[in-house]
Amino acid sequence: MLKSFAAVTDDNTEILAVGTMPGAASLAAGEYYAHKRNHFWPIIFALFNGGEALTSYEDKIALLLSHKIGLWDSLKYCDRRGSLDKDIRRESPNNFKILFKLRPKIRRVVFNGLAARDYFLRYNNISDGREYVLMPSTSPANASKSFEEKLILWRQALDGGR
């Protein structure tokens, strides 16, 4: 059984980016979005760091939190061979009800792909006054949009609504 990471939030978090479950590279590194071809961090660097990449995971997290953005996954546990969401079996959800109670400033939830949203909806109510936004997955498995197209959409979701 694979186990996801703890939520990355603080008292100022207003936007929560929600993935499905860390992939194999992320689980091995103990870091969200560790696969070298995942577009998540390059998008964050383009939006909030002048395009300059940060190498330290602690610095990456500090950059996110300084912009009131947190991270978590829809699922806490699952069985899965490889990293593809379509291969997830026997999943258990993360407890967003508790997170939202602990972090009441979260006003927008941004789903990193369809599977993240679908698993979230399976276990959670979205009639709570928050804004829920579906974004194209930043995963290297999602080649339906270019980096530039994803960047435009993620900019609107993470920065445009402030």
Protein backbone atom coordinates (compact mmCIF):
# COMPACT_ATOMS: atom_id res chain seq x y z
CA MET A 1 0.00 0.00 0.00
CA LEU A 2 1.40 3.40 -1.02
CA LYS A 3 1.06 6.38 1.34
CA SER A 4 0.77 9.99 0.28
CA PHE A 5 2.48 12.94 1.95
CA ALA A 6 1.19 15.29 4.60
CA ALA A 7 -0.56 18.44 3.46
CA VAL A 8 1.73 21.39 2.80
CA THR A 9 -0.17 24.37 4.22
CA ASP A 10 0.12 27.09 6.80
CA ASP A 11 -2.25 29.54 8.46
CA ASN A 12 -2.14 31.83 5.39
CA THR A 13 -2.93 29.23 2.73
CA GLU A 14 -5.74 30.41 0.44
CA ILE A 15 -5.27 28.18 -2.59
CA LEU A 16 -4.81 24.41 -2.37
CA ALA A 17 -3.38 22.54 -5.35
CA VAL A 18 -4.66 18.96 -5.16
CA GLY A 19 -3.10 16.04 -6.99
CA THR A 20 -4.20 12.42 -6.97
CA MET A 21 -1.33 10.49 -5.37
CA PRO A 22 2.43 10.99 -5.62
CA GLY A 23 4.04 9.07 -8.45
CA ALA A 24 6.95 6.67 -8.05
CA ALA A 25 9.63 9.37 -8.47
CA SER A 26 7.94 11.59 -5.88
CA LEU A 27 7.49 8.76 -3.40
CA ALA A 28 11.15 7.77 -3.82
CA ALA A 29 12.31 11.37 -3.29
CA GLY A 30 9.80 12.15 -0.54
CA GLU A 31 8.80 15.30 -2.43
CA TYR A 32 5.71 16.46 -4.28
CA TYR A 33 6.15 16.57 -8.09
CA ALA A 34 9.69 15.16 -8.10
CA HIS A 35 9.54 13.62 -11.60
CA LYS A 36 11.98 15.65 -13.70
CA ARG A 37 9.48 16.02 -16.56
CA ASN A 38 6.50 17.06 -14.44
CA HIS A 39 5.53 20.64 -15.27
CA PHE A 40 4.31 21.61 -11.81
CA TRP A 41 7.51 23.18 -10.46
CA PRO A 42 8.50 24.83 -13.78
CA ILE A 43 5.03 26.45 -13.83
CA ILE A 44 5.46 27.65 -10.25
CA PHE A 45 8.93 29.04 -11.05
CA ALA A 46 7.60 30.81 -14.16
CA LEU A 47 4.73 32.38 -12.22
CA PHE A 48 6.42 33.29 -8.95
CA ASN A 49 10.20 33.17 -9.34
CA GLY A 50 10.95 34.84 -12.66
CA GLY A 51 11.43 31.45 -14.29
CA GLU A 52 14.42 30.66 -12.10
CA ALA A 53 14.39 27.07 -10.84
CA LEU A 54 14.98 26.28 -7.19
CA THR A 55 16.73 23.04 -6.35
CA SER A 56 16.04 22.75 -2.63
CA TYR A 57 12.66 21.19 -1.85
CA GLU A 58 12.45 23.40 1.25
CA ASP A 59 12.91 26.48 -0.96
CA LYS A 60 10.23 25.25 -3.36
CA ILE A 61 7.76 24.79 -0.51
CA ALA A 62 8.67 28.18 0.97
CA LEU A 63 8.02 29.80 -2.43
CA LEU A 64 4.57 28.19 -2.63
CA LEU A 65 3.62 29.12 0.91
CA SER A 66 4.83 32.69 0.42
CA HIS A 67 2.20 32.96 -2.30
CA LYS A 68 -0.47 31.43 -0.06
CA ILE A 69 -0.53 28.17 -2.06
CA GLY A 70 -0.57 24.74 -0.45
CA LEU A 71 -0.36 21.17 -1.71
CA TRP A 72 -2.10 17.92 -0.95
CA ASP A 73 -3.51 14.86 -2.68
CA SER A 74 -7.01 13.47 -2.96
CA LEU A 75 -5.81 10.09 -1.76
CA LYS A 76 -3.97 9.10 1.39
CA TYR A 77 -3.37 5.44 0.48
CA CYS A 78 -3.70 3.24 -2.58
CA ASP A 79 -2.31 0.28 -4.42
CA ARG A 80 -0.78 1.13 -7.78
CA ARG A 81 1.86 -0.32 -10.06
CA GLY A 82 3.88 2.49 -11.60
CA SER A 83 2.68 6.06 -11.50
CA LEU A 84 -0.44 6.24 -13.65
CA ASP A 85 -3.69 7.30 -12.01
CA LYS A 86 -5.61 4.78 -14.11
CA ASP A 87 -3.79 1.98 -12.24
CA ILE A 88 -4.94 3.07 -8.78
CA ARG A 89 -6.77 0.41 -6.77
CA ARG A 90 -8.06 0.11 -3.19
CA GLU A 91 -7.77 3.81 -2.47
CA SER A 92 -8.44 5.66 0.78
CA PRO A 93 -9.05 9.43 0.77
CA ASN A 94 -7.34 12.20 2.64
CA ASN A 95 -9.56 13.99 5.16
CA PHE A 96 -10.28 17.38 3.62
CA LYS A 97 -13.01 18.16 6.12
CA ILE A 98 -10.41 18.32 8.88
CA LEU A 99 -7.93 20.24 6.70
CA PHE A 100 -10.53 22.85 5.78
CA LYS A 101 -11.43 23.22 9.44
CA LEU A 102 -7.76 23.70 10.37
CA ARG A 103 -7.11 26.02 7.40
CA PRO A 104 -10.29 28.11 7.04
CA LYS A 105 -8.64 30.63 4.68
CA ILE A 106 -8.52 28.06 1.87
CA ARG A 107 -10.98 29.53 -0.63
CA ARG A 108 -9.95 27.86 -3.86
CA VAL A 109 -9.08 24.23 -4.61
CA VAL A 110 -7.21 23.66 -7.85
CA PHE A 111 -7.24 20.08 -9.11
CA ASN A 112 -4.11 18.93 -10.91
CA GLY A 113 -5.94 16.79 -13.44
CA LEU A 114 -9.20 14.93 -13.84
CA ALA A 115 -8.34 11.98 -11.60
CA ALA A 116 -7.50 14.29 -8.69
CA ARG A 117 -10.90 15.93 -9.05
CA ASP A 118 -12.79 12.67 -9.52
CA TYR A 119 -11.28 11.02 -6.44
CA PHE A 120 -11.90 14.18 -4.42
CA LEU A 121 -15.56 14.27 -5.50
CA ARG A 122 -16.00 10.60 -4.66
CA TYR A 123 -15.32 11.35 -1.00
CA ASN A 124 -16.07 15.06 -0.45
CA ASN A 125 -18.85 17.61 -0.72
CA ILE A 126 -18.06 20.71 -2.76
CA SER A 127 -21.09 22.75 -1.69
CA ASP A 128 -19.07 24.58 0.91
CA GLY A 129 -18.56 28.02 -0.60
CA ARG A 130 -15.07 27.33 -1.91
CA GLU A 131 -14.17 27.66 -5.57
CA TYR A 132 -13.17 24.40 -7.25
CA VAL A 133 -11.15 24.56 -10.46
CA LEU A 134 -10.10 21.70 -12.74
CA MET A 135 -6.70 22.19 -14.38
CA PRO A 136 -4.83 20.15 -16.98
CA SER A 137 -2.52 17.70 -15.25
CA THR A 138 1.11 18.73 -15.02
CA SER A 139 2.13 15.07 -15.28
CA PRO A 140 4.48 14.03 -18.08
CA ALA A 141 1.81 11.46 -18.98
CA ASN A 142 -0.46 14.36 -20.05
CA ALA A 143 0.73 15.48 -23.46
CA SER A 144 -2.62 16.92 -24.56
CA LYS A 145 -1.44 20.47 -23.84
CA SER A 146 1.95 22.11 -24.23
CA PHE A 147 3.83 23.62 -21.32
CA GLU A 148 2.87 27.10 -22.57
CA GLU A 149 -0.84 26.20 -22.68
CA LYS A 150 -0.67 24.73 -19.17
CA LEU A 151 1.19 27.81 -17.93
CA ILE A 152 -1.56 30.15 -19.13
CA LEU A 153 -4.29 28.10 -17.48
CA TRP A 154 -2.40 27.58 -14.23
CA ARG A 155 -1.59 31.31 -14.10
CA GLN A 156 -5.31 32.07 -14.16
CA ALA A 157 -6.05 29.53 -11.44
CA LEU A 158 -3.17 30.36 -9.10
CA ASP A 159 -2.58 34.04 -9.63
CA GLY A 160 -5.39 35.52 -11.70
CA GLY A 161 -8.10 35.17 -9.07
CA ARG A 162 -6.36 37.18 -6.35
